[in-house]
Amino acid sequence: MGYDVRQRKELDVTLRDAKKSERDRLDSVRNSNGADRITRPIDLRRRWSYVTDVRLQNGSLVWKQAAPRLIDNHWLFDGEIAREAIVTRHRAEQDGRGILDEFILLSEAKDEAILTYAQTWGVLELCAHNLPSCHEFRLGAPLRLPPLASKPAAGIQHWFHDDPRQCTPTGREPLATWRFFSAQAKALLNIAADLQRARLGSQEDWAQLLQDRFTPARSLDAHRSCMRDALEGWLRLGRIKPTIDDMTTGLTWTGADLFGELAVQIALAAKAMDGQVFCVACGKPYQPKRLVIRRGFNYCPKVKCQRQADAQRAKRYRDRKKSPGSGENTDLPFRGIYGGTTDDPLFSR
């Protein structure tokens, strides 16, 4: 039996109220400086991406890795591919889009929406275990993981695979796995929002996160402890860790191209931090109030560090005035080796 006009209007109002209630639930984990977004500014050190030809095929995302060219006994990658990936992400950020805000919507999104997301922010780089290829093998947490594919896809030729502990991406990523991790990310944020209001997380969200035989005790301390373990599990799936930046000798985060960044974003939201960037002057983390320069020179608000920032800006201005073609647009977006800058990420580190 169909709905009459009044019933349809009541249903529309109910659905709008449900969506508003669901959105209001995440208000406490939003970035207070980010125009009502959950995504935070972070300075995550990541590999250059040479993923090409991302498309849909039989319920999966398939992609290729661009092959390098042998020139004078050296393997060189096409820097234009990496440049295009960086520019695409940067434009999305400038348009006010958020990598985490859009990811948590994919659990109920159409296939084309997942494709658009991957073409903008990157792929998960899943391996034969149906996990991010950089995952650690001991997570230390009873996380619920996506099931293995019935027929694992063969790994693609991975030209810069230099870590024997890391799996090889297959180049084929089931959309069901994308939706699984999206739903899990949303469950993490829901529980974090509940705990920030001194409420217990819902059983439905915990069931999305933990294996069947694991359930947190009915207390705030137990839920906070389980939440911490789940966050650490996600960080280990992305192999996130602080590392020394060779360019500045300061600290920075390193991890997977996409999954690692999502894990850091969720951890910051759960801790109610508006972001985290390492200052290149003092090496300590701080919470920025604006978009940060990825792998760039970011300085914290301390007076000493700001003086160093002013001195560096003045030096770059003098160098531009001395260099040929100073009247043209000479802004170089990529950090090059030995403290220089370059137009092409091919020659960057």
Protein backbone atom coordinates (compact mmCIF):
# COMPACT_ATOMS: atom_id res chain seq x y z
CA MET A 1 0.00 0.00 0.00
CA GLY A 2 1.40 3.43 -0.95
CA TYR A 3 1.68 6.46 1.33
CA ASP A 4 -0.76 9.32 1.03
CA VAL A 5 0.52 12.90 0.78
CA ARG A 6 0.37 13.53 4.53
CA GLN A 7 2.21 10.28 5.29
CA ARG A 8 4.96 11.13 2.81
CA LYS A 9 5.43 14.57 4.39
CA GLU A 10 5.61 13.03 7.86
CA LEU A 11 8.18 10.51 6.61
CA ASP A 12 10.30 13.29 5.07
CA VAL A 13 10.24 15.23 8.34
CA THR A 14 11.21 12.10 10.27
CA LEU A 15 14.15 11.42 7.96
CA ARG A 16 15.33 15.04 8.22
CA ASP A 17 15.11 14.87 12.02
CA ALA A 18 17.07 11.60 12.04
CA LYS A 19 19.83 13.08 9.87
CA LYS A 20 19.97 16.23 12.01
CA SER A 21 20.12 14.16 15.20
CA GLU A 22 22.91 12.03 13.72
CA ARG A 23 24.82 15.14 12.69
CA ASP A 24 24.32 16.84 16.08
CA ARG A 25 25.80 13.78 17.75
CA LEU A 26 29.19 14.56 16.17
CA ASP A 27 29.22 18.24 17.10
CA SER A 28 31.62 17.69 20.00
CA VAL A 29 34.28 16.14 17.72
CA ARG A 30 34.23 18.92 15.14
CA ASN A 31 37.18 21.23 14.56
CA SER A 32 36.42 24.51 16.33
CA ASN A 33 38.61 26.36 13.81
CA GLY A 34 37.59 24.44 10.71
CA ALA A 35 34.31 25.91 9.50
CA ASP A 36 32.13 23.20 11.07
CA ARG A 37 34.28 20.33 9.80
CA ILE A 38 35.62 17.24 11.56
CA THR A 39 38.85 17.24 9.53
CA ARG A 40 41.86 18.84 11.24
CA PRO A 41 44.97 20.49 9.80
CA ILE A 42 47.95 18.16 10.15
CA ASP A 43 51.39 17.93 8.60
CA LEU A 44 51.62 14.26 7.66
CA ARG A 45 54.71 13.20 5.79
CA ARG A 46 53.67 10.86 2.97
CA ARG A 47 55.18 9.18 -0.03
CA TRP A 48 54.72 10.67 -3.47
CA SER A 49 51.74 8.98 -5.14
CA TYR A 50 52.15 7.42 -8.59
CA VAL A 51 48.72 5.76 -8.70
CA THR A 52 46.99 6.10 -12.06
CA ASP A 53 43.89 4.92 -13.89
CA VAL A 54 41.58 4.56 -10.86
CA ARG A 55 38.26 3.10 -12.04
CA LEU A 56 35.35 0.83 -11.06
CA GLN A 57 35.35 -2.81 -12.09
CA ASN A 58 33.04 -5.59 -10.84
CA GLY A 59 32.40 -4.17 -7.38
CA SER A 60 35.97 -3.04 -6.80
CA LEU A 61 38.25 -0.09 -7.35
CA VAL A 62 41.13 -1.03 -9.61
CA TRP A 63 44.21 1.10 -10.21
CA LYS A 64 47.71 0.89 -11.58
CA GLN A 65 51.05 2.13 -10.43
CA ALA A 66 52.94 4.14 -13.00
CA ALA A 67 56.18 2.50 -14.07
CA PRO A 68 59.44 4.45 -13.92
CA ARG A 69 61.73 5.04 -16.88
CA LEU A 70 65.36 4.00 -16.99
CA ILE A 71 67.46 7.06 -17.82
CA ASP A 72 71.26 6.92 -17.53
CA ASN A 73 71.15 3.87 -15.26
CA HIS A 74 68.62 5.55 -12.94
CA TRP A 75 64.95 4.75 -12.50
CA LEU A 76 62.94 7.99 -12.66
CA PHE A 77 59.22 8.45 -12.07
CA ASP A 78 56.96 10.83 -13.90
CA GLY A 79 56.73 13.77 -11.51
CA GLU A 80 53.62 15.08 -13.26
CA ILE A 81 51.59 12.18 -11.82
CA ALA A 82 52.59 13.06 -8.27
CA ARG A 83 52.04 16.76 -8.97
CA GLU A 84 48.49 16.11 -10.22
CA ALA A 85 47.63 14.10 -7.08
CA ILE A 86 48.97 16.83 -4.80
CA VAL A 87 47.21 19.63 -6.66
CA THR A 88 43.89 17.73 -6.67
CA ARG A 89 44.00 17.25 -2.89
CA HIS A 90 45.10 20.84 -2.30
CA ARG A 91 42.22 22.22 -4.37
CA ALA A 92 39.74 20.07 -2.45
CA GLU A 93 41.08 21.44 0.84
CA GLN A 94 40.91 25.01 -0.43
CA ASP A 95 37.28 24.41 -1.42
CA GLY A 96 36.51 23.57 2.20
CA ARG A 97 36.27 19.81 1.74
CA GLY A 98 37.48 17.46 4.45
CA ILE A 99 39.16 14.09 3.96
CA LEU A 100 37.51 12.61 7.08
CA ASP A 101 34.14 14.33 6.67
CA GLU A 102 33.71 12.74 3.25
CA PHE A 103 35.12 9.34 4.23
CA ILE A 104 32.55 8.64 6.95
CA LEU A 105 29.78 9.13 4.39
CA LEU A 106 31.04 6.34 2.11
CA SER A 107 29.53 3.49 4.16
CA GLU A 108 26.14 4.27 2.60
CA ALA A 109 27.32 5.94 -0.61
CA LYS A 110 26.99 4.76 -4.18
CA ASP A 111 29.89 3.18 -6.03
CA GLU A 112 30.51 6.36 -8.02
CA ALA A 113 30.91 8.38 -4.81
CA ILE A 114 33.68 6.05 -3.63
CA LEU A 115 35.38 6.37 -7.00
CA THR A 116 35.21 10.18 -6.81
CA TYR A 117 36.67 10.09 -3.29
CA ALA A 118 39.56 7.85 -4.34
CA GLN A 119 40.33 10.05 -7.34
CA THR A 120 40.47 13.07 -5.02
CA TRP A 121 42.13 11.85 -1.84
CA GLY A 122 43.85 8.62 -2.87
CA VAL A 123 43.34 4.87 -2.55
CA LEU A 124 43.61 2.61 0.49
CA GLU A 125 46.45 0.55 -1.07
CA LEU A 126 44.98 -2.73 0.16
CA CYS A 127 47.12 -5.86 0.19
CA ALA A 128 46.16 -9.56 -0.08
CA HIS A 129 45.07 -9.45 3.60
CA ASN A 130 42.38 -6.93 2.60
CA LEU A 131 44.12 -4.38 4.85
CA PRO A 132 46.24 -1.29 4.12
CA SER A 133 49.52 -2.64 2.77
CA CYS A 134 51.56 -0.85 5.45
CA HIS A 135 49.70 -2.55 8.32
CA GLU A 136 51.53 -4.02 11.28
CA PHE A 137 50.89 -7.70 11.98
CA ARG A 138 50.29 -7.23 15.70
CA LEU A 139 47.64 -4.62 16.30
CA GLY A 140 47.39 -5.08 20.06
CA ALA A 141 43.63 -4.56 19.92
CA PRO A 142 40.71 -6.91 19.13
CA LEU A 143 39.59 -4.86 16.15
CA ARG A 144 37.02 -6.29 13.80
CA LEU A 145 38.73 -6.62 10.42
CA PRO A 146 37.22 -7.04 6.96
CA PRO A 147 37.06 -10.64 5.67
CA LEU A 148 39.63 -11.89 3.21
CA ALA A 149 38.65 -12.04 -0.42
CA SER A 150 37.83 -15.54 -1.69
CA LYS A 151 40.48 -15.20 -4.37
CA PRO A 152 43.20 -12.75 -3.33
CA ALA A 153 44.34 -10.61 -6.23
CA ALA A 154 47.94 -10.81 -7.33
CA GLY A 155 50.12 -7.92 -6.20
CA ILE A 156 51.02 -5.21 -8.67
CA GLN A 157 54.62 -4.51 -9.52
CA HIS A 158 55.74 -2.27 -6.68
CA TRP A 159 58.72 -0.31 -7.91
CA PHE A 160 59.70 1.35 -4.64
CA HIS A 161 58.96 -1.51 -2.26
CA ASP A 162 61.95 -1.16 0.09
CA ASP A 163 60.48 -2.47 3.37
CA PRO A 164 60.45 -6.29 3.68
CA ARG A 165 57.92 -6.00 6.53
CA GLN A 166 55.36 -4.32 4.28
CA CYS A 167 52.87 -6.11 2.06
CA THR A 168 52.45 -5.33 -1.62
CA PRO A 169 49.28 -3.54 -2.76
CA THR A 170 47.12 -5.60 -5.09
CA GLY A 171 45.73 -2.72 -7.13
CA ARG A 172 42.20 -4.06 -6.55
CA GLU A 173 40.13 -2.81 -3.61
CA PRO A 174 36.64 -4.22 -2.90
CA LEU A 175 34.06 -1.50 -2.39
CA ALA A 176 32.74 -3.56 0.53
CA THR A 177 36.08 -3.00 2.29
CA TRP A 178 35.83 0.75 1.69
CA ARG A 179 32.35 0.75 3.22
CA PHE A 180 33.55 -1.42 6.12
CA PHE A 181 36.32 0.98 7.12
CA SER A 182 34.04 3.99 6.55
CA ALA A 183 31.44 2.55 8.93
CA GLN A 184 34.19 1.76 11.44
CA ALA A 185 35.54 5.31 11.26
CA LYS A 186 32.06 6.67 11.88
CA ALA A 187 31.61 4.31 14.84
CA LEU A 188 34.89 5.55 16.33
CA LEU A 189 33.74 9.15 16.05
CA ASN A 190 30.31 8.34 17.50
CA ILE A 191 31.86 6.67 20.54
CA ALA A 192 34.37 9.50 20.95
CA ALA A 193 31.53 12.04 20.87
CA ASP A 194 29.55 10.06 23.45
CA LEU A 195 32.54 9.76 25.78
CA GLN A 196 33.23 13.49 25.56
CA ARG A 197 29.68 13.98 26.88
CA ALA A 198 30.37 11.43 29.65
CA ARG A 199 28.07 8.88 28.00
CA LEU A 200 28.70 5.24 27.18
CA GLY A 201 29.15 4.29 23.55
CA SER A 202 26.29 2.43 21.92
CA GLN A 203 26.41 -1.35 21.52
CA GLU A 204 25.83 -0.94 17.80
CA ASP A 205 28.99 1.16 17.40
CA TRP A 206 31.09 -1.17 19.55
CA ALA A 207 29.88 -4.15 17.51
CA GLN A 208 31.17 -2.37 14.40
CA LEU A 209 34.59 -1.92 16.05
CA LEU A 210 35.31 -5.03 18.10
CA GLN A 211 35.31 -8.74 17.41
CA ASP A 212 32.25 -10.71 18.49
CA ARG A 213 33.58 -12.04 21.78
CA PHE A 214 34.77 -8.63 23.02
CA THR A 215 32.46 -6.14 24.75
CA PRO A 216 33.57 -3.28 27.03
CA ALA A 217 32.29 -3.27 30.60
CA ARG A 218 29.48 -0.84 31.40
CA SER A 219 31.63 1.96 32.80
CA LEU A 220 33.16 5.15 31.40
CA ASP A 221 36.68 4.05 32.32
CA ALA A 222 36.26 0.74 30.49
CA HIS A 223 34.84 2.46 27.41
CA ARG A 224 37.67 5.02 27.37
CA SER A 225 40.24 2.22 27.68
CA CYS A 226 38.67 0.24 24.82
CA MET A 227 38.45 3.40 22.74
CA ARG A 228 42.16 4.03 23.25
CA ASP A 229 42.95 0.47 22.16
CA ALA A 230 40.78 0.83 19.04
CA LEU A 231 42.49 4.10 18.09
CA GLU A 232 45.91 2.53 18.55
CA GLY A 233 44.78 -0.35 16.34
CA TRP A 234 43.86 2.06 13.55
CA LEU A 235 47.19 3.89 13.94
CA ARG A 236 49.01 0.57 13.63
CA LEU A 237 47.02 -0.36 10.55
CA GLY A 238 48.32 2.90 9.04
CA ARG A 239 51.77 2.44 10.65
CA ILE A 240 51.72 5.99 11.95
CA LYS A 241 54.76 7.09 13.91
CA PRO A 242 56.82 10.22 14.50
CA THR A 243 60.01 10.46 12.47
CA ILE A 244 62.88 12.91 12.05
CA ASP A 245 62.52 15.13 8.98
CA ASP A 246 65.83 15.20 7.11
CA MET A 247 64.99 18.64 5.73
CA THR A 248 64.54 20.42 9.06
CA THR A 249 65.93 17.85 11.57
CA GLY A 250 62.61 18.33 13.35
CA LEU A 251 59.86 15.80 14.00
CA THR A 252 56.95 14.98 11.73
CA TRP A 253 54.36 12.21 11.31
CA THR A 254 54.82 9.49 8.74
CA GLY A 255 52.33 6.90 7.51
CA ALA A 256 50.26 5.57 4.67
CA ASP A 257 48.94 7.88 1.97
CA LEU A 258 45.27 7.67 2.97
CA PHE A 259 44.55 5.27 5.82
CA GLY A 260 47.28 6.67 8.05
CA GLU A 261 45.96 10.20 7.64
CA LEU A 262 42.42 9.07 8.45
CA ALA A 263 43.71 7.35 11.60
CA VAL A 264 45.47 10.53 12.76
CA GLN A 265 42.38 12.61 11.99
CA ILE A 266 40.17 10.31 14.09
CA ALA A 267 42.67 10.27 16.97
CA LEU A 268 42.79 14.08 17.05
CA ALA A 269 39.00 14.32 16.93
CA ALA A 270 38.68 11.78 19.76
CA LYS A 271 41.09 13.83 21.88
CA ALA A 272 39.27 17.10 21.04
CA MET A 273 42.42 18.58 19.50
CA ASP A 274 42.02 21.04 16.63
CA GLY A 275 45.06 19.67 14.82
CA GLN A 276 48.69 18.84 15.31
CA VAL A 277 51.75 20.07 13.48
CA PHE A 278 55.40 19.89 14.47
CA CYS A 279 57.21 23.23 14.61
CA VAL A 280 60.37 23.17 12.45
CA ALA A 281 62.13 25.52 14.88
CA CYS A 282 61.61 23.87 18.27
CA GLY A 283 60.41 20.46 17.07
CA LYS A 284 57.41 20.46 19.42
CA PRO A 285 53.79 19.84 18.35
CA TYR A 286 51.22 22.63 18.34
CA GLN A 287 47.63 23.11 17.24
CA PRO A 288 47.41 25.31 14.12
CA LYS A 289 44.50 27.64 13.42
CA ARG A 290 44.75 27.56 9.61
CA LEU A 291 45.66 25.26 6.75
CA VAL A 292 49.23 24.04 7.07
CA ILE A 293 51.92 23.64 4.43
CA ARG A 294 52.29 19.92 3.91
CA ARG A 295 55.91 18.95 4.36
CA GLY A 296 56.55 22.66 4.53
CA PHE A 297 58.03 25.03 7.08
CA ASN A 298 55.46 25.50 9.85
CA TYR A 299 56.27 27.52 12.97
CA CYS A 300 54.47 27.50 16.31
CA PRO A 301 53.24 30.76 17.93
CA LYS A 302 56.21 31.05 20.35
CA VAL A 303 58.04 34.37 20.02
CA LYS A 304 61.42 32.76 19.37
CA CYS A 305 60.02 30.50 16.66
CA GLN A 306 58.12 33.36 15.01
CA ARG A 307 61.32 35.41 14.88
CA GLN A 308 63.00 32.56 13.05
CA ALA A 309 60.02 32.36 10.68
CA ASP A 310 60.30 36.09 9.94
CA ALA A 311 64.02 35.74 9.26
CA GLN A 312 63.42 32.84 6.86
CA ARG A 313 60.69 34.75 5.01
CA ALA A 314 63.00 37.76 4.64
CA LYS A 315 65.77 35.52 3.32
CA ARG A 316 63.47 33.91 0.76
CA TYR A 317 62.32 37.38 -0.35
CA ARG A 318 65.92 38.52 -0.84
CA ASP A 319 66.73 35.34 -2.77
CA ARG A 320 63.77 35.87 -5.08
CA LYS A 321 64.82 39.46 -5.77
CA LYS A 322 68.31 38.31 -6.70
CA SER A 323 67.21 35.39 -8.87
CA PRO A 324 66.50 35.85 -12.60
CA GLY A 325 62.85 36.27 -13.54
CA SER A 326 62.00 37.69 -10.13
CA GLY A 327 59.19 39.73 -11.68
CA GLU A 328 57.33 36.56 -12.66
CA ASN A 329 55.40 34.16 -10.48
CA THR A 330 58.21 32.16 -8.91
CA ASP A 331 56.32 30.44 -6.09
CA LEU A 332 57.61 26.87 -5.92
CA PRO A 333 55.22 24.54 -4.06
CA PHE A 334 57.54 21.58 -3.45
CA ARG A 335 60.44 21.27 -1.04
CA GLY A 336 63.55 20.11 -2.79
CA ILE A 337 66.69 18.41 -1.52
CA TYR A 338 69.35 20.33 0.41
CA GLY A 339 66.84 22.91 1.64
CA GLY A 340 65.86 24.18 -1.81
CA THR A 341 62.54 24.31 -3.65
CA THR A 342 61.44 22.89 -6.96
CA ASP A 343 58.47 22.94 -9.33
CA ASP A 344 58.57 19.19 -9.79
CA PRO A 345 58.08 16.57 -7.01
CA LEU A 346 60.19 14.19 -9.13
CA PHE A 347 63.27 15.87 -7.68
CA SER A 348 61.89 16.32 -4.16
CA ARG A 349 62.30 14.18 -1.11
